Amino acid sequence: MKASLSPQVRKRVECLRHLQSQHDELEAEFLEERNELEARYQKLYQPLYTKRYEIVNGIKDVEGPTSNQLAEIKEDPVTEEKGVPEFWLSAMKTHEVLAEEIKERDEGALKFIKDIKWSRLHDPKGFKLEFCFNPNPYFKNSVLTKSYHIIDESDLVLDQAIGTEIEWFPGKCLTKKVVKKKPRMWSRNTKPVTTIEDCESFFTFFDPPQIPENEDGLDDDAYDELQGQLQQDYSVGTIIRDKIIPNAVSWFTGEAIEDDASDGIDDDTEDESEDDEEEGGGDGGNYDSNEDEEEEERKRSVKKEVDEDDDEDEEEEDEEKVSGKKKIGELPIREGHWELPSQCKSQ
């Protein structure tokens, strides 16, 4: 607590901290009840997911009521296709974030996805994604998994992310590429030099960045790069869990894009209306001059306090640098665990 606070203010702040503790206890109860409710509804969703799996993969045909327009469609037995081809690939490619992750060379393998599932982990806490594949010419695995272990669900402190090691067939690895380089002019070797290099691919999702046990060995650039990779990796995982799996057909048809866009419009409209109210003052823009002076005085006072706080923070940073410690971006709140940025927490 800042020493500059008066005893009366310090006492009030202590009371606020006590209220925060009570809030944290209620939030812990909320998370526990939410997980129980989530588990209950996951069981209720499962029969629907099973029927979806059967229809997508042509195990069962459509039964039950259909619209008159669909009833009039006559199937051609010659060109009849089983299930819904490329269902999961098309659904994922419709989402703008996943579309950037999926490269053209990945699509041949992703066409073989027959189902995507997720489940909650309890010890350790977190969640797991399962990508189920039909037999394909790219790799031996029938299931590729990605697990996220979370230390603190309320603050989303990531312990680690674990992916499946893919057993690629010879010459089929999509995360590596063979590069042939011409020998240097003065080299005695006249044959092209062949090297294997990493390349961008959706399948690097199953080989996530590793969190170091001690981040002190990272410089600023390395820390920021790793933090960005972790954020992007977790974002992709939550998009698949929260958007693609429960609403797969809406992403397949493209309807989900309109829903996402309308949500964004609502948010923008609210922001604009709030800005208008602030500019207009709620009374057509007529202000009392005394109120303006009081407001300006208040702003100057706040700015002065902020500047003083900034000076104190700079002094603390200088002391940390002298002692050999680094203060880089959003540091993990526990050694070996990383706190995910706020934009991830809202997903």
Protein backbone atom coordinates (compact mmCIF):
# COMPACT_ATOMS: atom_id res chain seq x y z
CA MET A 1 0.00 0.00 0.00
CA LYS A 2 1.26 3.48 -0.89
CA ALA A 3 2.80 5.27 2.09
CA SER A 4 1.48 8.59 0.77
CA LEU A 5 -2.10 7.66 1.70
CA SER A 6 -3.52 9.24 4.81
CA PRO A 7 -4.53 6.97 7.73
CA GLN A 8 -8.21 7.51 6.97
CA VAL A 9 -7.78 6.51 3.31
CA ARG A 10 -5.62 3.52 4.26
CA LYS A 11 -8.40 2.33 6.55
CA ARG A 12 -10.93 2.60 3.73
CA VAL A 13 -8.63 0.74 1.36
CA GLU A 14 -8.29 -2.08 3.90
CA CYS A 15 -12.08 -2.30 3.99
CA LEU A 16 -12.12 -2.49 0.18
CA ARG A 17 -9.56 -5.29 0.28
CA HIS A 18 -11.78 -7.19 2.68
CA LEU A 19 -14.70 -6.76 0.26
CA GLN A 20 -12.47 -8.03 -2.54
CA SER A 21 -11.69 -11.16 -0.52
CA GLN A 22 -15.39 -11.81 -0.08
CA HIS A 23 -15.86 -11.32 -3.82
CA ASP A 24 -13.06 -13.81 -4.57
CA GLU A 25 -14.71 -16.42 -2.33
CA LEU A 26 -18.02 -15.99 -4.17
CA GLU A 27 -16.24 -16.18 -7.52
CA ALA A 28 -14.61 -19.48 -6.51
CA GLU A 29 -18.07 -20.85 -5.63
CA PHE A 30 -19.38 -19.58 -8.97
CA LEU A 31 -16.62 -21.34 -10.91
CA GLU A 32 -17.28 -24.59 -9.07
CA GLU A 33 -21.01 -24.44 -9.73
CA ARG A 34 -20.43 -23.41 -13.33
CA ASN A 35 -18.21 -26.45 -13.92
CA GLU A 36 -20.87 -28.71 -12.41
CA LEU A 37 -23.55 -27.14 -14.61
CA GLU A 38 -21.30 -27.40 -17.65
CA ALA A 39 -20.68 -31.10 -16.98
CA ARG A 40 -24.41 -31.70 -16.67
CA TYR A 41 -25.19 -30.05 -20.00
CA GLN A 42 -22.27 -31.74 -21.74
CA LYS A 43 -24.08 -35.02 -21.06
CA LEU A 44 -27.29 -33.55 -22.51
CA TYR A 45 -25.43 -32.31 -25.60
CA GLN A 46 -23.78 -35.67 -26.26
CA PRO A 47 -26.75 -37.40 -27.99
CA LEU A 48 -27.00 -34.43 -30.37
CA TYR A 49 -23.27 -34.56 -31.10
CA THR A 50 -23.58 -38.30 -31.75
CA LYS A 51 -26.38 -37.74 -34.28
CA ARG A 52 -24.36 -34.99 -35.93
CA TYR A 53 -21.38 -37.35 -36.20
CA GLU A 54 -23.55 -40.02 -37.83
CA ILE A 55 -25.03 -37.61 -40.39
CA VAL A 56 -21.71 -35.93 -41.24
CA ASN A 57 -19.99 -39.27 -41.80
CA GLY A 58 -22.86 -40.94 -43.66
CA ILE A 59 -23.51 -43.57 -40.99
CA LYS A 60 -27.17 -42.63 -40.88
CA ASP A 61 -29.25 -40.65 -43.31
CA VAL A 62 -31.52 -37.77 -42.39
CA GLU A 63 -34.65 -38.79 -40.55
CA GLY A 64 -37.55 -36.85 -39.13
CA PRO A 65 -39.27 -33.65 -40.36
CA THR A 66 -37.70 -31.63 -43.17
CA SER A 67 -38.81 -28.49 -44.97
CA ASN A 68 -40.98 -28.75 -48.10
CA GLN A 69 -38.10 -27.37 -50.17
CA LEU A 70 -35.77 -30.16 -49.03
CA ALA A 71 -38.46 -32.80 -49.50
CA GLU A 72 -38.78 -31.88 -53.18
CA ILE A 73 -35.05 -32.43 -53.85
CA LYS A 74 -34.49 -35.66 -55.77
CA GLU A 75 -31.21 -37.44 -55.18
CA ASP A 76 -29.17 -38.69 -58.12
CA PRO A 77 -28.05 -42.25 -57.27
CA VAL A 78 -25.06 -41.90 -59.61
CA THR A 79 -23.63 -38.80 -57.92
CA GLU A 80 -24.87 -39.52 -54.42
CA GLU A 81 -22.35 -38.60 -51.72
CA LYS A 82 -22.24 -40.02 -48.24
CA GLY A 83 -22.56 -37.66 -45.33
CA VAL A 84 -21.32 -34.06 -45.62
CA PRO A 85 -17.91 -33.96 -47.33
CA GLU A 86 -15.24 -31.67 -45.81
CA PHE A 87 -17.65 -30.63 -43.06
CA TRP A 88 -15.11 -29.79 -40.36
CA LEU A 89 -12.57 -28.28 -42.74
CA SER A 90 -15.18 -25.94 -44.20
CA ALA A 91 -16.48 -24.99 -40.75
CA MET A 92 -13.00 -24.09 -39.48
CA LYS A 93 -12.01 -22.20 -42.63
CA THR A 94 -15.07 -19.97 -42.24
CA HIS A 95 -13.70 -18.54 -38.99
CA GLU A 96 -11.24 -15.78 -39.84
CA VAL A 97 -8.71 -16.71 -37.13
CA LEU A 98 -8.63 -20.39 -38.05
CA ALA A 99 -8.59 -19.56 -41.76
CA GLU A 100 -5.24 -17.82 -41.22
CA GLU A 101 -3.88 -20.88 -39.42
CA ILE A 102 -4.95 -23.34 -42.14
CA LYS A 103 -2.59 -23.33 -45.11
CA GLU A 104 -3.49 -24.63 -48.55
CA ARG A 105 -1.23 -27.66 -48.17
CA ASP A 106 -3.04 -28.57 -44.88
CA GLU A 107 -6.43 -28.94 -46.51
CA GLY A 108 -5.74 -32.37 -48.00
CA ALA A 109 -5.19 -33.81 -44.52
CA LEU A 110 -7.92 -31.81 -42.75
CA LYS A 111 -10.50 -33.19 -45.18
CA PHE A 112 -10.17 -36.49 -43.30
CA ILE A 113 -11.47 -35.10 -39.98
CA LYS A 114 -14.57 -37.02 -39.00
CA ASP A 115 -15.22 -35.39 -35.62
CA ILE A 116 -13.88 -32.80 -33.17
CA LYS A 117 -14.65 -33.17 -29.47
CA TRP A 118 -13.64 -31.50 -26.22
CA SER A 119 -13.74 -32.47 -22.57
CA ARG A 120 -13.02 -30.80 -19.24
CA LEU A 121 -9.91 -31.89 -17.33
CA HIS A 122 -10.05 -32.03 -13.55
CA ASP A 123 -6.61 -33.15 -12.36
CA PRO A 124 -4.89 -31.04 -13.51
CA LYS A 125 -7.61 -28.55 -14.40
CA GLY A 126 -8.06 -27.46 -17.98
CA PHE A 127 -9.57 -28.91 -21.14
CA LYS A 128 -8.69 -31.29 -23.96
CA LEU A 129 -9.50 -31.17 -27.68
CA GLU A 130 -9.73 -34.35 -29.77
CA PHE A 131 -9.48 -34.36 -33.56
CA CYS A 132 -10.68 -37.72 -34.91
CA PHE A 133 -9.46 -38.67 -38.40
CA ASN A 134 -10.43 -41.25 -40.95
CA PRO A 135 -7.52 -43.32 -42.35
CA ASN A 136 -5.48 -40.97 -44.53
CA PRO A 137 -2.23 -40.92 -46.53
CA TYR A 138 -0.60 -38.26 -44.32
CA PHE A 139 -0.13 -39.79 -40.84
CA LYS A 140 -0.84 -42.93 -38.83
CA ASN A 141 -2.66 -41.32 -35.89
CA SER A 142 -6.43 -41.79 -35.76
CA VAL A 143 -6.78 -39.13 -33.03
CA LEU A 144 -4.76 -35.96 -32.45
CA THR A 145 -5.22 -34.29 -29.07
CA LYS A 146 -4.38 -30.92 -27.58
CA SER A 147 -4.59 -30.37 -23.81
CA TYR A 148 -4.38 -27.12 -21.84
CA HIS A 149 -3.47 -27.36 -18.15
CA ILE A 150 -4.70 -24.35 -16.18
CA ILE A 151 -3.37 -23.46 -12.72
CA ASP A 152 -5.94 -20.79 -11.86
CA GLU A 153 -9.25 -20.77 -13.76
CA SER A 154 -10.32 -17.35 -12.50
CA ASP A 155 -7.11 -15.65 -13.70
CA LEU A 156 -6.33 -18.17 -16.47
CA VAL A 157 -2.79 -18.98 -15.46
CA LEU A 158 -1.51 -21.47 -18.02
CA ASP A 159 0.74 -24.24 -16.70
CA GLN A 160 1.40 -25.98 -20.01
CA ALA A 161 -0.10 -27.03 -23.34
CA ILE A 162 0.48 -30.58 -24.59
CA GLY A 163 -0.11 -31.89 -28.10
CA THR A 164 0.07 -35.26 -29.82
CA GLU A 165 3.27 -36.23 -31.61
CA ILE A 166 2.17 -36.81 -35.19
CA GLU A 167 3.44 -39.99 -36.88
CA TRP A 168 3.89 -38.74 -40.42
CA PHE A 169 4.21 -41.11 -43.34
CA PRO A 170 7.48 -40.70 -45.28
CA GLY A 171 7.48 -37.53 -47.36
CA LYS A 172 4.09 -36.41 -46.04
CA CYS A 173 5.06 -34.14 -43.12
CA LEU A 174 3.19 -30.85 -43.44
CA THR A 175 5.17 -28.95 -40.79
CA LYS A 176 8.52 -29.33 -42.61
CA LYS A 177 9.64 -28.53 -46.10
CA VAL A 178 12.62 -29.61 -48.18
CA VAL A 179 14.63 -26.68 -49.48
CA LYS A 180 17.27 -27.06 -52.18
CA LYS A 181 19.91 -24.35 -52.38
CA LYS A 182 22.48 -23.83 -55.09
CA PRO A 183 26.09 -24.22 -53.91
CA ARG A 184 28.19 -21.11 -53.58
CA MET A 185 30.19 -20.08 -56.61
CA TRP A 186 33.55 -20.88 -55.01
CA SER A 187 32.38 -24.21 -53.55
CA ARG A 188 33.88 -27.41 -54.94
CA ASN A 189 30.53 -29.14 -54.45
CA THR A 190 28.42 -28.62 -57.57
CA LYS A 191 25.35 -30.46 -56.27
CA PRO A 192 22.45 -28.51 -54.75
CA VAL A 193 22.43 -28.45 -50.94
CA THR A 194 19.24 -29.94 -49.48
CA THR A 195 17.99 -28.80 -46.08
CA ILE A 196 14.80 -29.39 -44.10
CA GLU A 197 13.16 -26.30 -42.64
CA ASP A 198 10.07 -25.59 -40.54
CA CYS A 199 7.07 -24.21 -42.39
CA GLU A 200 3.74 -22.71 -41.40
CA SER A 201 1.00 -25.29 -40.94
CA PHE A 202 -2.16 -25.80 -38.89
CA PHE A 203 -0.58 -29.00 -37.59
CA THR A 204 2.01 -27.03 -35.60
CA PHE A 205 -0.98 -26.54 -33.26
CA PHE A 206 -0.16 -30.01 -31.90
CA ASP A 207 3.42 -28.96 -31.12
CA PRO A 208 2.76 -25.94 -28.88
CA PRO A 209 5.42 -23.55 -27.54
CA GLN A 210 6.93 -24.73 -24.26
CA ILE A 211 6.84 -22.56 -21.16
CA PRO A 212 10.32 -22.21 -19.61
CA GLU A 213 10.76 -23.08 -15.94
CA ASN A 214 12.61 -19.82 -15.39
CA GLU A 215 11.74 -16.84 -17.56
CA ASP A 216 14.69 -14.76 -16.30
CA GLY A 217 16.85 -16.19 -19.08
CA LEU A 218 14.66 -14.56 -21.75
CA ASP A 219 15.41 -11.13 -23.12
CA ASP A 220 12.62 -8.67 -23.90
CA ASP A 221 12.17 -9.72 -27.53
CA ALA A 222 12.17 -13.45 -26.75
CA TYR A 223 9.68 -12.94 -23.93
CA ASP A 224 7.29 -10.91 -26.10
CA GLU A 225 7.54 -13.43 -28.93
CA LEU A 226 6.78 -16.36 -26.62
CA GLN A 227 3.92 -14.50 -24.96
CA GLY A 228 2.41 -13.81 -28.39
CA GLN A 229 2.74 -17.46 -29.40
CA LEU A 230 1.07 -18.64 -26.18
CA GLN A 231 -1.75 -16.15 -26.59
CA GLN A 232 -2.39 -17.17 -30.19
CA ASP A 233 -2.21 -20.89 -29.37
CA TYR A 234 -4.71 -20.58 -26.52
CA SER A 235 -6.98 -18.38 -28.62
CA VAL A 236 -7.14 -21.03 -31.37
CA GLY A 237 -7.93 -23.71 -28.78
CA THR A 238 -10.79 -21.76 -27.20
CA ILE A 239 -12.26 -20.80 -30.58
CA ILE A 240 -12.46 -24.48 -31.53
CA ARG A 241 -13.92 -25.37 -28.12
CA ASP A 242 -16.42 -22.52 -27.70
CA LYS A 243 -17.40 -21.65 -31.27
CA ILE A 244 -16.66 -24.40 -33.79
CA ILE A 245 -17.67 -27.53 -31.85
CA PRO A 246 -21.04 -26.33 -30.49
CA ASN A 247 -22.01 -24.40 -33.66
CA ALA A 248 -20.29 -26.40 -36.40
CA VAL A 249 -23.16 -26.35 -38.91
CA SER A 250 -23.57 -22.57 -38.57
CA TRP A 251 -19.89 -22.12 -39.43
CA PHE A 252 -20.21 -24.63 -42.28
CA THR A 253 -23.10 -22.66 -43.83
CA GLY A 254 -21.58 -19.27 -42.99
CA GLU A 255 -24.50 -18.17 -40.79
CA ALA A 256 -22.20 -17.86 -37.79
CA ILE A 257 -20.28 -15.07 -39.53
CA GLU A 258 -23.40 -12.92 -39.61
CA ASP A 259 -24.05 -13.63 -35.92
CA ASP A 260 -20.50 -12.59 -35.01
CA ALA A 261 -20.79 -9.47 -37.16
CA SER A 262 -24.10 -8.45 -35.57
CA ASP A 263 -22.58 -8.85 -32.11
CA GLY A 264 -19.78 -6.53 -33.11
CA ILE A 265 -22.23 -3.96 -34.49
CA ASP A 266 -24.15 -3.92 -31.21
CA ASP A 267 -20.95 -3.30 -29.27
CA ASP A 268 -19.89 -0.50 -31.61
CA THR A 269 -23.34 1.13 -31.39
CA GLU A 270 -23.19 1.13 -27.61
CA ASP A 271 -19.72 2.70 -27.67
CA GLU A 272 -20.84 5.38 -30.11
CA SER A 273 -23.93 6.24 -28.06
CA GLU A 274 -21.81 6.55 -24.93
CA ASP A 275 -19.40 8.84 -26.77
CA ASP A 276 -22.31 11.00 -27.98
CA GLU A 277 -23.64 11.31 -24.45
CA GLU A 278 -20.22 12.33 -23.17
CA GLU A 279 -19.77 14.93 -25.93
CA GLY A 280 -23.29 16.32 -25.53
CA GLY A 281 -23.28 16.26 -21.77
CA GLY A 282 -26.81 14.83 -21.80
CA ASP A 283 -28.36 18.31 -22.10
CA GLY A 284 -27.58 19.42 -25.62
CA GLY A 285 -24.01 20.47 -24.80
CA ASN A 286 -24.85 23.37 -22.45
CA TYR A 287 -22.33 23.42 -19.60
CA ASP A 288 -22.02 25.66 -16.64
CA SER A 289 -18.67 27.50 -16.67
CA ASN A 290 -18.09 26.82 -12.98
CA GLU A 291 -18.53 23.11 -13.56
CA ASP A 292 -15.97 23.31 -16.36
CA GLU A 293 -13.45 24.97 -14.07
CA GLU A 294 -14.04 22.42 -11.32
CA GLU A 295 -13.63 19.58 -13.82
CA GLU A 296 -10.36 21.03 -15.14
CA GLU A 297 -9.05 21.42 -11.61
CA ARG A 298 -9.96 17.83 -10.83
CA LYS A 299 -8.16 16.59 -13.95
CA ARG A 300 -5.02 18.54 -13.04
CA SER A 301 -5.08 17.04 -9.56
CA VAL A 302 -5.49 13.50 -10.92
CA LYS A 303 -2.70 14.04 -13.45
CA LYS A 304 -0.38 15.22 -10.70
CA GLU A 305 -1.07 12.07 -8.66
CA VAL A 306 -0.54 9.86 -11.72
CA ASP A 307 2.78 11.55 -12.48
CA GLU A 308 3.91 10.99 -8.90
CA ASP A 309 2.92 7.32 -9.13
CA ASP A 310 4.81 6.99 -12.43
CA ASP A 311 7.93 8.44 -10.79
CA GLU A 312 7.65 5.88 -7.98
CA ASP A 313 7.20 3.04 -10.54
CA GLU A 314 10.28 4.19 -12.48
CA GLU A 315 12.32 4.18 -9.28
CA GLU A 316 11.14 0.62 -8.55
CA GLU A 317 12.09 -0.48 -12.08
CA ASP A 318 15.55 1.05 -11.69
CA GLU A 319 16.02 -0.84 -8.42
CA GLU A 320 14.97 -4.10 -10.11
CA LYS A 321 17.43 -3.55 -12.94
CA VAL A 322 20.24 -2.93 -10.49
CA SER A 323 19.40 -6.15 -8.62
CA GLY A 324 19.47 -8.13 -11.89
CA LYS A 325 15.71 -8.74 -12.14
CA LYS A 326 13.70 -8.10 -15.28
CA LYS A 327 10.26 -6.61 -15.57
CA ILE A 328 9.04 -7.55 -19.00
CA GLY A 329 5.45 -7.10 -20.18
CA GLU A 330 2.93 -9.18 -18.27
CA LEU A 331 5.09 -11.36 -16.08
CA PRO A 332 3.80 -14.73 -14.89
CA ILE A 333 2.35 -14.50 -11.42
CA ARG A 334 4.06 -17.76 -10.52
CA GLU A 335 7.45 -19.02 -11.61
CA GLY A 336 7.05 -21.49 -14.46
CA HIS A 337 3.40 -20.52 -15.13
CA TRP A 338 2.17 -17.84 -17.51
CA GLU A 339 -0.80 -15.55 -17.10
CA LEU A 340 -2.77 -15.23 -20.29
CA PRO A 341 -3.73 -11.73 -21.50
CA SER A 342 -7.16 -10.30 -20.73
CA GLN A 343 -8.46 -10.82 -24.26
CA CYS A 344 -8.04 -14.57 -23.79
CA LYS A 345 -9.90 -14.52 -20.47
CA SER A 346 -13.08 -13.28 -22.10
CA GLN A 347 -13.27 -16.30 -24.40
